Amino acid sequence: MALLQLLMSDLMKPSDTRQKERGKNQQNNDQIMNIKRLNRSSIQALTYVKQLIRYLLFLLHDDDTHILC
């Protein structure tokens, strides 16, 4: 019953209200996609830094003294 009332109330809303809600939803979706894109970029940057640290540790590794390893 509540679902029916919700559907009916949505149908009774003026079209400009529905349009505003669609615009808000689109903005939210855009923000979510931007956050996902930033997360992917951050993960890629951290992976690069991790590889760089491993390479630097490899270069600094000395079999006689075991510097930093």
C-alpha atoms as a PDB file:
ATOM      1  CA  MET A   1       0.000   0.000   0.000  1.00  0.00           C
ATOM      2  CA  ALA A   2       2.816   2.385   0.888  1.00  0.00           C
ATOM      3  CA  LEU A   3       4.470   1.654  -2.448  1.00  0.00           C
ATOM      4  CA  LEU A   4       1.252   2.508  -4.273  1.00  0.00           C
ATOM      5  CA  GLN A   5       0.985   5.777  -2.344  1.00  0.00           C
ATOM      6  CA  LEU A   6       4.590   6.581  -3.163  1.00  0.00           C
ATOM      7  CA  LEU A   7       3.999   5.933  -6.861  1.00  0.00           C
ATOM      8  CA  MET A   8       0.829   7.999  -6.842  1.00  0.00           C
ATOM      9  CA  SER A   9       2.527  10.893  -5.051  1.00  0.00           C
ATOM     10  CA  ASP A  10       5.313  10.802  -7.637  1.00  0.00           C
ATOM     11  CA  LEU A  11       2.769  10.949 -10.446  1.00  0.00           C
ATOM     12  CA  MET A  12       0.995  13.873  -8.801  1.00  0.00           C
ATOM     13  CA  LYS A  13       4.150  15.975  -8.515  1.00  0.00           C
ATOM     14  CA  PRO A  14       4.533  18.814 -10.969  1.00  0.00           C
ATOM     15  CA  SER A  15       6.848  17.973 -13.825  1.00  0.00           C
ATOM     16  CA  ASP A  16       9.310  20.708 -12.812  1.00  0.00           C
ATOM     17  CA  THR A  17       9.741  19.040  -9.403  1.00  0.00           C
ATOM     18  CA  ARG A  18      10.483  15.722 -11.091  1.00  0.00           C
ATOM     19  CA  GLN A  19      12.870  17.517 -13.445  1.00  0.00           C
ATOM     20  CA  LYS A  20      14.716  19.042 -10.467  1.00  0.00           C
ATOM     21  CA  GLU A  21      14.966  15.628  -8.821  1.00  0.00           C
ATOM     22  CA  ARG A  22      16.360  14.126 -12.032  1.00  0.00           C
ATOM     23  CA  GLY A  23      18.902  16.933 -12.204  1.00  0.00           C
ATOM     24  CA  LYS A  24      19.902  16.293  -8.586  1.00  0.00           C
ATOM     25  CA  ASN A  25      20.224  12.583  -9.253  1.00  0.00           C
ATOM     26  CA  GLN A  26      22.414  13.285 -12.277  1.00  0.00           C
ATOM     27  CA  GLN A  27      24.640  15.583 -10.199  1.00  0.00           C
ATOM     28  CA  ASN A  28      24.962  12.870  -7.553  1.00  0.00           C
ATOM     29  CA  ASN A  29      25.835  10.297 -10.212  1.00  0.00           C
ATOM     30  CA  ASP A  30      28.454  12.646 -11.677  1.00  0.00           C
ATOM     31  CA  GLN A  31      29.975  13.188  -8.221  1.00  0.00           C
ATOM     32  CA  ILE A  32      30.100   9.440  -7.611  1.00  0.00           C
ATOM     33  CA  MET A  33      31.849   8.877 -10.942  1.00  0.00           C
ATOM     34  CA  ASN A  34      34.375  11.624 -10.141  1.00  0.00           C
ATOM     35  CA  ILE A  35      35.112  10.001  -6.769  1.00  0.00           C
ATOM     36  CA  LYS A  36      35.574   6.604  -8.429  1.00  0.00           C
ATOM     37  CA  ARG A  37      37.919   8.167 -10.983  1.00  0.00           C
ATOM     38  CA  LEU A  38      39.931   9.831  -8.195  1.00  0.00           C
ATOM     39  CA  ASN A  39      40.094   6.543  -6.299  1.00  0.00           C
ATOM     40  CA  ARG A  40      41.460   4.759  -9.367  1.00  0.00           C
ATOM     41  CA  SER A  41      44.033   7.512  -9.875  1.00  0.00           C
ATOM     42  CA  SER A  42      45.056   7.336  -6.215  1.00  0.00           C
ATOM     43  CA  ILE A  43      45.472   3.569  -6.381  1.00  0.00           C
ATOM     44  CA  GLN A  44      47.586   3.894  -9.525  1.00  0.00           C
ATOM     45  CA  ALA A  45      49.753   6.560  -7.870  1.00  0.00           C
ATOM     46  CA  LEU A  46      50.233   4.445  -4.737  1.00  0.00           C
ATOM     47  CA  THR A  47      51.146   1.424  -6.853  1.00  0.00           C
ATOM     48  CA  TYR A  48      53.736   3.516  -8.681  1.00  0.00           C
ATOM     49  CA  VAL A  49      55.193   4.784  -5.382  1.00  0.00           C
ATOM     50  CA  LYS A  50      55.335   1.229  -4.029  1.00  0.00           C
ATOM     51  CA  GLN A  51      57.212   0.059  -7.131  1.00  0.00           C
ATOM     52  CA  LEU A  52      59.563   3.034  -6.866  1.00  0.00           C
ATOM     53  CA  ILE A  53      60.328   2.243  -3.215  1.00  0.00           C
ATOM     54  CA  ARG A  54      60.995  -1.392  -4.071  1.00  0.00           C
ATOM     55  CA  TYR A  55      63.345  -0.321  -6.863  1.00  0.00           C
ATOM     56  CA  LEU A  56      65.187   2.120  -4.575  1.00  0.00           C
ATOM     57  CA  LEU A  57      65.536  -0.561  -1.911  1.00  0.00           C
ATOM     58  CA  PHE A  58      66.890  -2.895  -4.576  1.00  0.00           C
ATOM     59  CA  LEU A  59      69.462  -0.275  -5.610  1.00  0.00           C
ATOM     60  CA  LEU A  60      70.466   0.374  -2.004  1.00  0.00           C
ATOM     61  CA  HIS A  61      70.730  -3.290  -1.147  1.00  0.00           C
ATOM     62  CA  ASP A  62      74.308  -4.317  -0.503  1.00  0.00           C
ATOM     63  CA  ASP A  63      75.048  -8.027  -0.138  1.00  0.00           C
ATOM     64  CA  ASP A  64      77.941  -7.389   2.268  1.00  0.00           C
ATOM     65  CA  THR A  65      76.232  -5.042   4.742  1.00  0.00           C
ATOM     66  CA  HIS A  66      72.530  -5.541   3.936  1.00  0.00           C
ATOM     67  CA  ILE A  67      71.745  -1.830   4.048  1.00  0.00           C
ATOM     68  CA  LEU A  68      68.014  -1.271   4.576  1.00  0.00           C
ATOM     69  CA  CYS A  69      67.186  -4.931   3.997  1.00  0.00           C
END
